[in-house]
N, C-alpha and C. Protein backbone atom coordinates (compact mmCIF):
# COMPACT_ATOMS: atom_id res chain seq x y z
N MET A 1 -29.16 -12.73 -20.18
CA MET A 1 -27.77 -13.37 -20.63
C MET A 1 -27.06 -12.58 -19.56
N ALA A 2 -25.78 -13.20 -19.35
CA ALA A 2 -24.97 -12.79 -18.51
C ALA A 2 -23.91 -11.89 -19.18
N LYS A 3 -23.53 -11.24 -18.65
CA LYS A 3 -22.43 -10.27 -19.46
C LYS A 3 -21.02 -10.45 -19.09
N LYS A 4 -20.54 -10.82 -20.24
CA LYS A 4 -18.92 -11.60 -20.02
C LYS A 4 -18.00 -10.39 -19.58
N GLN A 5 -17.25 -11.10 -18.88
CA GLN A 5 -16.09 -10.20 -17.83
C GLN A 5 -14.88 -10.38 -18.72
N SER A 6 -14.27 -8.94 -18.77
CA SER A 6 -12.84 -9.11 -19.27
C SER A 6 -11.78 -9.38 -18.22
N PHE A 7 -10.92 -9.91 -18.19
CA PHE A 7 -9.78 -10.21 -17.01
C PHE A 7 -8.56 -9.95 -17.96
N GLY A 8 -8.27 -8.61 -18.20
CA GLY A 8 -7.00 -8.21 -18.47
C GLY A 8 -5.85 -7.96 -17.67
N GLU A 9 -4.95 -7.22 -18.01
CA GLU A 9 -3.86 -6.85 -16.93
C GLU A 9 -4.28 -6.08 -15.93
N LYS A 10 -5.16 -4.85 -16.52
CA LYS A 10 -5.82 -3.68 -15.76
C LYS A 10 -6.78 -3.99 -14.74
N VAL A 11 -7.68 -5.12 -15.05
CA VAL A 11 -8.87 -5.66 -14.43
C VAL A 11 -8.21 -6.49 -12.85
N LEU A 12 -7.08 -6.96 -13.46
CA LEU A 12 -6.64 -8.06 -12.31
C LEU A 12 -5.87 -7.34 -11.26
N ALA A 13 -5.12 -6.07 -11.80
CA ALA A 13 -4.39 -5.33 -10.94
C ALA A 13 -5.24 -4.48 -10.15
N ALA A 14 -6.35 -3.91 -10.69
CA ALA A 14 -7.41 -3.55 -9.88
C ALA A 14 -7.93 -4.40 -8.69
N LYS A 15 -8.36 -5.62 -8.82
CA LYS A 15 -8.99 -6.28 -7.95
C LYS A 15 -7.92 -6.65 -7.19
N LEU A 16 -6.59 -6.89 -6.89
CA LEU A 16 -5.51 -7.17 -6.32
C LEU A 16 -5.17 -6.05 -5.35
N ALA A 17 -5.25 -4.77 -5.84
CA ALA A 17 -5.05 -3.61 -5.10
C ALA A 17 -6.21 -3.30 -3.97
N GLN A 18 -7.58 -3.78 -4.06
CA GLN A 18 -8.39 -3.61 -3.64
C GLN A 18 -8.09 -4.00 -1.86
N ARG A 19 -8.39 -3.35 -0.91
CA ARG A 19 -8.25 -3.41 0.45
C ARG A 19 -9.21 -4.51 0.97
N LYS A 20 -8.75 -5.54 1.72
CA LYS A 20 -9.52 -6.61 2.05
C LYS A 20 -9.92 -6.04 3.65
N MET A 21 -10.93 -5.67 4.42
CA MET A 21 -11.30 -5.62 5.53
C MET A 21 -11.94 -6.31 6.25
N ALA A 22 -12.17 -6.07 7.79
CA ALA A 22 -12.71 -7.41 8.50
C ALA A 22 -13.36 -6.65 9.32
N LYS A 23 -14.42 -6.91 10.08
CA LYS A 23 -14.94 -6.07 11.47
C LYS A 23 -14.76 -7.26 12.56
N VAL A 24 -14.21 -6.29 13.37
CA VAL A 24 -13.75 -7.32 14.74
C VAL A 24 -14.76 -6.57 15.81
N ILE A 25 -15.30 -7.32 16.37
CA ILE A 25 -15.95 -7.35 18.16
C ILE A 25 -15.00 -7.77 19.15
N ILE A 26 -14.62 -6.76 19.86
CA ILE A 26 -14.21 -6.89 21.26
C ILE A 26 -15.17 -6.94 22.45
N SER A 27 -15.24 -7.39 23.24
CA SER A 27 -16.03 -7.86 24.28
C SER A 27 -15.25 -7.34 25.54
N GLN A 28 -16.09 -6.76 26.62
CA GLN A 28 -14.98 -6.12 27.99
C GLN A 28 -15.83 -6.26 29.05
N LYS A 29 -15.81 -6.23 29.99
CA LYS A 29 -16.40 -5.84 31.15
C LYS A 29 -16.62 -4.73 31.92
N THR A 30 -17.35 -3.79 32.44
CA THR A 30 -17.40 -2.93 32.94
C THR A 30 -17.00 -3.06 34.43
N ALA A 31 -16.75 -2.03 34.78
CA ALA A 31 -16.63 -2.18 36.36
C ALA A 31 -18.06 -2.57 37.31
N HIS A 32 -19.12 -2.38 36.80
CA HIS A 32 -20.03 -2.41 37.19
C HIS A 32 -20.37 -4.34 36.98
N GLY A 33 -20.03 -4.89 36.13
CA GLY A 33 -20.01 -6.63 35.76
C GLY A 33 -21.33 -6.50 34.64
N ALA A 34 -21.20 -5.23 33.79
CA ALA A 34 -21.89 -5.41 32.73
C ALA A 34 -21.12 -5.58 31.42
N THR A 35 -21.34 -6.05 30.49
CA THR A 35 -20.12 -6.11 29.24
C THR A 35 -20.80 -5.11 27.97
N ARG A 36 -19.46 -4.85 27.62
CA ARG A 36 -19.25 -3.55 26.48
C ARG A 36 -18.82 -4.43 25.48
N PHE A 37 -19.13 -3.91 24.25
CA PHE A 37 -18.68 -4.37 22.84
C PHE A 37 -18.07 -3.08 22.39
N LYS A 38 -17.19 -3.31 21.54
CA LYS A 38 -16.26 -2.46 20.87
C LYS A 38 -16.10 -2.91 19.44
N GLU A 39 -16.74 -2.48 18.46
CA GLU A 39 -16.81 -2.83 17.09
C GLU A 39 -15.68 -2.08 16.61
N SER A 40 -15.04 -2.59 15.28
CA SER A 40 -13.90 -1.61 14.82
C SER A 40 -13.88 -2.23 13.22
N ILE A 41 -13.70 -1.57 12.18
CA ILE A 41 -13.54 -2.50 10.93
C ILE A 41 -11.84 -2.07 10.65
N ILE A 42 -10.97 -3.13 10.47
CA ILE A 42 -9.50 -2.70 10.24
C ILE A 42 -9.24 -3.78 8.88
N ASP A 43 -7.87 -3.69 8.35
CA ASP A 43 -7.66 -4.46 7.51
C ASP A 43 -7.45 -5.57 7.67
N ALA A 44 -7.70 -6.78 7.04
CA ALA A 44 -7.86 -8.25 7.47
C ALA A 44 -6.33 -8.65 7.92
N GLU A 45 -4.90 -7.89 7.16
CA GLU A 45 -3.85 -8.49 7.88
C GLU A 45 -3.60 -8.14 8.96
N GLN A 46 -4.19 -7.35 9.69
CA GLN A 46 -4.04 -6.76 11.08
C GLN A 46 -4.87 -7.14 12.15
N VAL A 47 -5.59 -8.17 11.74
CA VAL A 47 -6.54 -8.76 12.91
C VAL A 47 -5.97 -9.46 14.20
N LYS A 48 -5.10 -10.28 13.45
CA LYS A 48 -4.30 -10.68 15.13
C LYS A 48 -3.79 -9.81 15.73
N ASP A 49 -2.97 -8.50 15.45
CA ASP A 49 -2.23 -7.63 16.22
C ASP A 49 -3.36 -6.94 17.12
N PHE A 50 -4.35 -6.51 16.09
CA PHE A 50 -5.62 -5.76 17.04
C PHE A 50 -6.35 -6.47 18.23
N VAL A 51 -6.49 -7.90 17.73
CA VAL A 51 -7.23 -8.77 18.99
C VAL A 51 -5.90 -8.75 20.05
N ALA A 52 -4.73 -9.08 19.69
CA ALA A 52 -3.80 -9.14 21.08
C ALA A 52 -3.65 -7.86 21.77
N GLY A 53 -3.56 -6.93 21.04
CA GLY A 53 -3.49 -5.30 21.54
C GLY A 53 -4.96 -5.22 22.70
N ASN A 54 -5.88 -5.43 22.34
CA ASN A 54 -6.89 -5.55 22.90
C ASN A 54 -7.50 -6.25 23.69
N ARG A 55 -6.87 -7.23 24.16
CA ARG A 55 -7.36 -8.09 25.37
C ARG A 55 -7.08 -7.60 26.39
N GLY A 56 -7.74 -8.02 27.28
CA GLY A 56 -7.57 -7.62 28.68
C GLY A 56 -8.41 -8.08 29.51
């Protein structure tokens, strides 16, 4: 049997307070022509800024 969950105010507030994270992988060419990958875990709201700042 499944356990019944309670969705009180405390539970909903805790759920909304959790940070949403995103894993971003940026590829870059090295001077020798090889491809290097940079992997980062950042807040989901900052993905566009991170990608725009690391393009090159």
